PDB file of all heavy atoms in Angstrom:
ATOM      1  N   GLN A   1     119.764  84.864 120.675  1.00  0.00           N
ATOM      2  CA  GLN A   1     118.611  85.758 120.578  1.00  0.00           C
ATOM      3  C   GLN A   1     117.717  85.554 121.798  1.00  0.00           C
ATOM      4  O   GLN A   1     117.146  84.478 121.984  1.00  0.00           O
ATOM      5  CB  GLN A   1     117.773  85.446 119.338  1.00  0.00           C
ATOM      6  CG  GLN A   1     118.509  85.534 118.017  1.00  0.00           C
ATOM      7  CD  GLN A   1     117.609  85.137 116.865  1.00  0.00           C
ATOM      8  OE1 GLN A   1     116.825  85.931 116.374  1.00  0.00           O
ATOM      9  NE2 GLN A   1     117.710  83.881 116.442  1.00  0.00           N
ATOM     10  N   SER A   2     117.585  86.596 122.619  1.00  0.00           N
ATOM     11  CA  SER A   2     116.666  86.504 123.761  1.00  0.00           C
ATOM     12  C   SER A   2     115.229  86.792 123.340  1.00  0.00           C
ATOM     13  O   SER A   2     114.297  86.456 124.062  1.00  0.00           O
ATOM     14  CB  SER A   2     117.077  87.506 124.841  1.00  0.00           C
ATOM     15  OG  SER A   2     116.712  88.840 124.475  1.00  0.00           O
ATOM     16  N   PHE A   3     115.057  87.430 122.182  1.00  0.00           N
ATOM     17  CA  PHE A   3     113.750  87.853 121.677  1.00  0.00           C
ATOM     18  C   PHE A   3     113.075  88.848 122.615  1.00  0.00           C
ATOM     19  O   PHE A   3     111.857  89.011 122.577  1.00  0.00           O
ATOM     20  CB  PHE A   3     112.826  86.661 121.418  1.00  0.00           C
ATOM     21  CG  PHE A   3     113.279  85.769 120.303  1.00  0.00           C
ATOM     22  CD1 PHE A   3     113.312  84.390 120.470  1.00  0.00           C
ATOM     23  CD2 PHE A   3     113.689  86.296 119.094  1.00  0.00           C
ATOM     24  CE1 PHE A   3     113.735  83.560 119.436  1.00  0.00           C
ATOM     25  CE2 PHE A   3     114.113  85.479 118.054  1.00  0.00           C
ATOM     26  CZ  PHE A   3     114.135  84.106 118.231  1.00  0.00           C
ATOM     27  N   GLY A   4     113.878  89.518 123.456  1.00  0.00           N
ATOM     28  CA  GLY A   4     113.313  90.610 124.242  1.00  0.00           C
ATOM     29  C   GLY A   4     112.800  91.711 123.343  1.00  0.00           C
ATOM     30  O   GLY A   4     111.773  92.349 123.626  1.00  0.00           O
ATOM     31  N   LEU A   5     113.542  91.948 122.249  1.00  0.00           N
ATOM     32  CA  LEU A   5     113.063  92.838 121.198  1.00  0.00           C
ATOM     33  C   LEU A   5     112.342  91.948 120.199  1.00  0.00           C
ATOM     34  O   LEU A   5     112.944  91.394 119.280  1.00  0.00           O
ATOM     35  CB  LEU A   5     114.229  93.588 120.540  1.00  0.00           C
ATOM     36  CG  LEU A   5     113.922  94.862 119.741  1.00  0.00           C
ATOM     37  CD1 LEU A   5     115.209  95.503 119.252  1.00  0.00           C
ATOM     38  CD2 LEU A   5     112.995  94.635 118.566  1.00  0.00           C
ATOM     39  N   GLY A   6     111.043  91.788 120.403  1.00  0.00           N
ATOM     40  CA  GLY A   6     110.242  90.909 119.557  1.00  0.00           C
ATOM     41  C   GLY A   6     109.293  91.687 118.687  1.00  0.00           C
ATOM     42  O   GLY A   6     109.437  92.903 118.492  1.00  0.00           O
ATOM     43  N   PHE A   7     108.296  91.006 118.180  1.00  0.00           N
ATOM     44  CA  PHE A   7     107.407  91.642 117.220  1.00  0.00           C
ATOM     45  C   PHE A   7     106.530  92.724 117.845  1.00  0.00           C
ATOM     46  O   PHE A   7     106.197  93.702 117.176  1.00  0.00           O
ATOM     47  CB  PHE A   7     106.563  90.590 116.491  1.00  0.00           C
ATOM     48  CG  PHE A   7     107.091  90.277 115.124  1.00  0.00           C
ATOM     49  CD1 PHE A   7     108.201  89.456 114.974  1.00  0.00           C
ATOM     50  CD2 PHE A   7     106.522  90.824 113.997  1.00  0.00           C
ATOM     51  CE1 PHE A   7     108.707  89.183 113.711  1.00  0.00           C
ATOM     52  CE2 PHE A   7     107.031  90.560 112.728  1.00  0.00           C
ATOM     53  CZ  PHE A   7     108.123  89.737 112.586  1.00  0.00           C
ATOM     54  N   PHE A   8     106.149  92.584 119.106  1.00  0.00           N
ATOM     55  CA  PHE A   8     105.386  93.661 119.724  1.00  0.00           C
ATOM     56  C   PHE A   8     106.236  94.917 119.832  1.00  0.00           C
ATOM     57  O   PHE A   8     105.790  96.023 119.487  1.00  0.00           O
ATOM     58  CB  PHE A   8     104.877  93.260 121.113  1.00  0.00           C
ATOM     59  CG  PHE A   8     104.143  94.379 121.799  1.00  0.00           C
ATOM     60  CD1 PHE A   8     102.833  94.680 121.453  1.00  0.00           C
ATOM     61  CD2 PHE A   8     104.768  95.154 122.766  1.00  0.00           C
ATOM     62  CE1 PHE A   8     102.160  95.731 122.069  1.00  0.00           C
ATOM     63  CE2 PHE A   8     104.103  96.197 123.388  1.00  0.00           C
ATOM     64  CZ  PHE A   8     102.792  96.488 123.036  1.00  0.00           C
ATOM     65  N   GLU A   9     107.461  94.763 120.318  1.00  0.00           N
ATOM     66  CA  GLU A   9     108.347  95.916 120.456  1.00  0.00           C
ATOM     67  C   GLU A   9     108.659  96.539 119.096  1.00  0.00           C
ATOM     68  O   GLU A   9     108.786  97.761 118.976  1.00  0.00           O
ATOM     69  CB  GLU A   9     109.642  95.500 121.158  1.00  0.00           C
ATOM     70  CG  GLU A   9     109.468  95.112 122.617  1.00  0.00           C
ATOM     71  CD  GLU A   9     108.847  93.740 122.832  1.00  0.00           C
ATOM     72  OE1 GLU A   9     108.939  92.890 121.900  1.00  0.00           O
ATOM     73  OE2 GLU A   9     108.280  93.504 123.916  1.00  0.00           O
ATOM     74  N   TYR A  10     108.781  95.703 118.083  1.00  0.00           N
ATOM     75  CA  TYR A  10     109.004  96.193 116.723  1.00  0.00           C
ATOM     76  C   TYR A  10     107.826  97.022 116.230  1.00  0.00           C
ATOM     77  O   TYR A  10     107.993  98.152 115.759  1.00  0.00           O
ATOM     78  CB  TYR A  10     109.261  95.007 115.798  1.00  0.00           C
ATOM     79  CG  TYR A  10     109.038  95.260 114.322  1.00  0.00           C
ATOM     80  CD1 TYR A  10     109.755  96.229 113.640  1.00  0.00           C
ATOM     81  CD2 TYR A  10     108.107  94.503 113.612  1.00  0.00           C
ATOM     82  CE1 TYR A  10     109.555  96.440 112.282  1.00  0.00           C
ATOM     83  CE2 TYR A  10     107.906  94.710 112.259  1.00  0.00           C
ATOM     84  CZ  TYR A  10     108.625  95.681 111.600  1.00  0.00           C
ATOM     85  OH  TYR A  10     108.418  95.892 110.254  1.00  0.00           O
ATOM     86  N   PHE A  11     106.626  96.481 116.323  1.00  0.00           N
ATOM     87  CA  PHE A  11     105.453  97.227 115.870  1.00  0.00           C
ATOM     88  C   PHE A  11     105.296  98.532 116.657  1.00  0.00           C
ATOM     89  O   PHE A  11     104.953  99.573 116.099  1.00  0.00           O
ATOM     90  CB  PHE A  11     104.189  96.374 116.029  1.00  0.00           C
ATOM     91  CG  PHE A  11     104.003  95.336 114.963  1.00  0.00           C
ATOM     92  CD1 PHE A  11     103.633  94.038 115.305  1.00  0.00           C
ATOM     93  CD2 PHE A  11     104.172  95.630 113.621  1.00  0.00           C
ATOM     94  CE1 PHE A  11     103.440  93.064 114.328  1.00  0.00           C
ATOM     95  CE2 PHE A  11     103.990  94.668 112.632  1.00  0.00           C
ATOM     96  CZ  PHE A  11     103.628  93.383 112.987  1.00  0.00           C
ATOM     97  N   ARG A  12     105.544  98.468 117.956  1.00  0.00           N
ATOM     98  CA  ARG A  12     105.420  99.667 118.786  1.00  0.00           C
ATOM     99  C   ARG A  12     106.433 100.731 118.375  1.00  0.00           C
ATOM    100  O   ARG A  12     106.108 101.927 118.308  1.00  0.00           O
ATOM    101  CB  ARG A  12     105.631  99.292 120.264  1.00  0.00           C
ATOM    102  CG  ARG A  12     105.479 100.446 121.243  1.00  0.00           C
ATOM    103  CD  ARG A  12     105.646  99.974 122.678  1.00  0.00           C
ATOM    104  NE  ARG A  12     106.999  99.487 122.938  1.00  0.00           N
ATOM    105  CZ  ARG A  12     107.381  98.952 124.103  1.00  0.00           C
ATOM    106  NH1 ARG A  12     106.509  98.810 125.093  1.00  0.00           N
ATOM    107  NH2 ARG A  12     108.628  98.540 124.273  1.00  0.00           N
ATOM    108  N   PHE A  13     107.669 100.301 118.078  1.00  0.00           N
ATOM    109  CA  PHE A  13     108.698 101.256 117.655  1.00  0.00           C
ATOM    110  C   PHE A  13     108.325 101.894 116.320  1.00  0.00           C
ATOM    111  O   PHE A  13     108.493 103.102 116.135  1.00  0.00           O
ATOM    112  CB  PHE A  13     110.045 100.547 117.563  1.00  0.00           C
ATOM    113  CG  PHE A  13     111.200 101.450 117.217  1.00  0.00           C
ATOM    114  CD1 PHE A  13     111.389 102.651 117.871  1.00  0.00           C
ATOM    115  CD2 PHE A  13     112.109 101.091 116.226  1.00  0.00           C
ATOM    116  CE1 PHE A  13     112.456 103.488 117.566  1.00  0.00           C
ATOM    117  CE2 PHE A  13     113.177 101.902 115.905  1.00  0.00           C
ATOM    118  CZ  PHE A  13     113.352 103.109 116.573  1.00  0.00           C
ATOM    119  N   CYS A  14     107.833 101.091 115.382  1.00  0.00           N
ATOM    120  CA  CYS A  14     107.391 101.652 114.101  1.00  0.00           C
ATOM    121  C   CYS A  14     106.347 102.733 114.329  1.00  0.00           C
ATOM    122  O   CYS A  14     106.396 103.813 113.718  1.00  0.00           O
ATOM    123  CB  CYS A  14     106.819 100.550 113.209  1.00  0.00           C
ATOM    124  SG  CYS A  14     108.054  99.439 112.508  1.00  0.00           S
ATOM    125  N   GLU A  15     105.400 102.451 115.195  1.00  0.00           N
ATOM    126  CA  GLU A  15     104.353 103.441 115.492  1.00  0.00           C
ATOM    127  C   GLU A  15     104.956 104.693 116.128  1.00  0.00           C
ATOM    128  O   GLU A  15     104.577 105.825 115.786  1.00  0.00           O
ATOM    129  CB  GLU A  15     103.322 102.820 116.430  1.00  0.00           C
ATOM    130  CG  GLU A  15     102.135 103.711 116.742  1.00  0.00           C
ATOM    131  CD  GLU A  15     101.106 102.995 117.587  1.00  0.00           C
ATOM    132  OE1 GLU A  15     101.340 102.852 118.805  1.00  0.00           O
ATOM    133  OE2 GLU A  15     100.078 102.560 117.031  1.00  0.00           O
ATOM    134  N   ASP A  16     105.903 104.504 117.036  1.00  0.00           N
ATOM    135  CA  ASP A  16     106.527 105.637 117.721  1.00  0.00           C
ATOM    136  C   ASP A  16     107.222 106.584 116.755  1.00  0.00           C
ATOM    137  O   ASP A  16     107.234 107.806 116.968  1.00  0.00           O
ATOM    138  CB  ASP A  16     107.555 105.136 118.739  1.00  0.00           C
ATOM    139  CG  ASP A  16     106.914 104.543 119.986  1.00  0.00           C
ATOM    140  OD1 ASP A  16     105.721 104.793 120.229  1.00  0.00           O
ATOM    141  OD2 ASP A  16     107.623 103.821 120.720  1.00  0.00           O
ATOM    142  N   ILE A  17     107.843 106.049 115.712  1.00  0.00           N
ATOM    143  CA  ILE A  17     108.650 106.891 114.817  1.00  0.00           C
ATOM    144  C   ILE A  17     107.939 107.190 113.499  1.00  0.00           C
ATOM    145  O   ILE A  17     108.520 107.817 112.608  1.00  0.00           O
ATOM    146  CB  ILE A  17     110.035 106.264 114.551  1.00  0.00           C
ATOM    147  CG1 ILE A  17     109.915 104.949 113.780  1.00  0.00           C
ATOM    148  CG2 ILE A  17     110.781 106.067 115.855  1.00  0.00           C
ATOM    149  CD1 ILE A  17     111.269 104.333 113.404  1.00  0.00           C
ATOM    150  N   GLY A  18     106.693 106.742 113.367  1.00  0.00           N
ATOM    151  CA  GLY A  18     105.930 107.040 112.150  1.00  0.00           C
ATOM    152  C   GLY A  18     106.367 106.260 110.939  1.00  0.00           C
ATOM    153  O   GLY A  18     106.189 106.720 109.806  1.00  0.00           O
ATOM    154  N   ALA A  19     106.926 105.065 111.153  1.00  0.00           N
ATOM    155  CA  ALA A  19     107.372 104.215 110.042  1.00  0.00           C
ATOM    156  C   ALA A  19     106.389 103.072 109.841  1.00  0.00           C
ATOM    157  O   ALA A  19     105.901 102.489 110.809  1.00  0.00           O
ATOM    158  CB  ALA A  19     108.763 103.654 110.325  1.00  0.00           C
ATOM    159  N   LYS A  20     106.107 102.750 108.601  1.00  0.00           N
ATOM    160  CA  LYS A  20     105.247 101.607 108.319  1.00  0.00           C
ATOM    161  C   LYS A  20     106.023 100.316 108.566  1.00  0.00           C
ATOM    162  O   LYS A  20     107.168 100.194 108.128  1.00  0.00           O
ATOM    163  CB  LYS A  20     104.754 101.641 106.872  1.00  0.00           C
ATOM    164  CG  LYS A  20     103.834 102.807 106.553  1.00  0.00           C
ATOM    165  CD  LYS A  20     103.382 102.774 105.100  1.00  0.00           C
ATOM    166  CE  LYS A  20     102.455 103.952 104.792  1.00  0.00           C
ATOM    167  NZ  LYS A  20     102.004 103.952 103.378  1.00  0.00           N
ATOM    168  N   PRO A  21     105.434  99.347 109.258  1.00  0.00           N
ATOM    169  CA  PRO A  21     106.138  98.082 109.454  1.00  0.00           C
ATOM    170  C   PRO A  21     106.190  97.253 108.176  1.00  0.00           C
ATOM    171  O   PRO A  21     105.223  97.206 107.418  1.00  0.00           O
ATOM    172  CB  PRO A  21     105.314  97.376 110.534  1.00  0.00           C
ATOM    173  CG  PRO A  21     103.956  97.992 110.454  1.00  0.00           C
ATOM    174  CD  PRO A  21     104.141  99.395 109.959  1.00  0.00           C
ATOM    175  N   LEU A  22     107.342  96.633 107.941  1.00  0.00           N
ATOM    176  CA  LEU A  22     107.509  95.690 106.840  1.00  0.00           C
ATOM    177  C   LEU A  22     108.142  94.419 107.401  1.00  0.00           C
ATOM    178  O   LEU A  22     109.354  94.205 107.332  1.00  0.00           O
ATOM    179  CB  LEU A  22     108.373  96.284 105.729  1.00  0.00           C
ATOM    180  CG  LEU A  22     108.818  95.352 104.585  1.00  0.00           C
ATOM    181  CD1 LEU A  22     107.639  94.604 103.972  1.00  0.00           C
ATOM    182  CD2 LEU A  22     109.573  96.116 103.516  1.00  0.00           C
ATOM    183  N   PRO A  23     107.338  93.577 108.061  1.00  0.00           N
ATOM    184  CA  PRO A  23     107.887  92.326 108.587  1.00  0.00           C
ATOM    185  C   PRO A  23     108.214  91.353 107.464  1.00  0.00           C
ATOM    186  O   PRO A  23     107.525  91.314 106.439  1.00  0.00           O
ATOM    187  CB  PRO A  23     106.758  91.795 109.465  1.00  0.00           C
ATOM    188  CG  PRO A  23     105.514  92.369 108.869  1.00  0.00           C
ATOM    189  CD  PRO A  23     105.905  93.725 108.327  1.00  0.00           C
ATOM    190  N   VAL A  24     109.263  90.585 107.646  1.00  0.00           N
ATOM    191  CA  VAL A  24     109.690  89.587 106.667  1.00  0.00           C
ATOM    192  C   VAL A  24     109.584  88.208 107.297  1.00  0.00           C
ATOM    193  O   VAL A  24     110.065  87.983 108.416  1.00  0.00           O
ATOM    194  CB  VAL A  24     111.131  89.838 106.189  1.00  0.00           C
ATOM    195  CG1 VAL A  24     111.544  88.791 105.170  1.00  0.00           C
ATOM    196  CG2 VAL A  24     111.254  91.242 105.595  1.00  0.00           C
ATOM    197  N   ILE A  25     108.945  87.295 106.588  1.00  0.00           N
ATOM    198  CA  ILE A  25     108.776  85.914 107.032  1.00  0.00           C
ATOM    199  C   ILE A  25     109.502  85.008 106.039  1.00  0.00           C
ATOM    200  O   ILE A  25     109.452  85.241 104.829  1.00  0.00           O
ATOM    201  CB  ILE A  25     107.279  85.534 107.082  1.00  0.00           C
ATOM    202  CG1 ILE A  25     106.522  86.478 108.010  1.00  0.00           C
ATOM    203  CG2 ILE A  25     107.107  84.082 107.516  1.00  0.00           C
ATOM    204  CD1 ILE A  25     106.937  86.422 109.455  1.00  0.00           C
ATOM    205  N   ALA A  26     110.176  83.989 106.547  1.00  0.00           N
ATOM    206  CA  ALA A  26     110.853  83.037 105.660  1.00  0.00           C
ATOM    207  C   ALA A  26     109.847  82.380 104.724  1.00  0.00           C
ATOM    208  O   ALA A  26     108.702  82.111 105.102  1.00  0.00           O
ATOM    209  CB  ALA A  26     111.579  81.975 106.475  1.00  0.00           C
ATOM    210  N   ALA A  27     110.279  82.109 103.501  1.00  0.00           N
ATOM    211  CA  ALA A  27     109.420  81.464 102.498  1.00  0.00           C
ATOM    212  C   ALA A  27     109.395  79.952 102.697  1.00  0.00           C
ATOM    213  O   ALA A  27     109.372  79.186 101.732  1.00  0.00           O
ATOM    214  CB  ALA A  27     109.900  81.815 101.089  1.00  0.00           C
ATOM    215  N   ALA A  28     109.412  79.539 103.964  1.00  0.00           N
ATOM    216  CA  ALA A  28     109.350  78.116 104.335  1.00  0.00           C
ATOM    217  C   ALA A  28     110.537  77.324 103.800  1.00  0.00           C
ATOM    218  O   ALA A  28     110.445  76.122 103.572  1.00  0.00           O
ATOM    219  CB  ALA A  28     108.030  77.488 103.883  1.00  0.00           C
ATOM    220  N   VAL A  29     111.658  78.016 103.601  1.00  0.00           N
ATOM    221  CA  VAL A  29     112.920  77.339 103.293  1.00  0.00           C
ATOM    222  C   VAL A  29     114.011  78.002 104.120  1.00  0.00           C
ATOM    223  O   VAL A  29     113.948  79.186 104.434  1.00  0.00           O
ATOM    224  CB  VAL A  29     113.295  77.403 101.794  1.00  0.00           C
ATOM    225  CG1 VAL A  29     112.335  76.594 100.953  1.00  0.00           C
ATOM    226  CG2 VAL A  29     113.382  78.844 101.303  1.00  0.00           C
TER     227      VAL A  29
END
């Protein structure tokens, strides 16, 4: 994973296509 497609690019893409972001974070396990 280069993380070139990271959270900024994700949020920006959601905005571009009119989709609400639903980020998922590990439950610390």
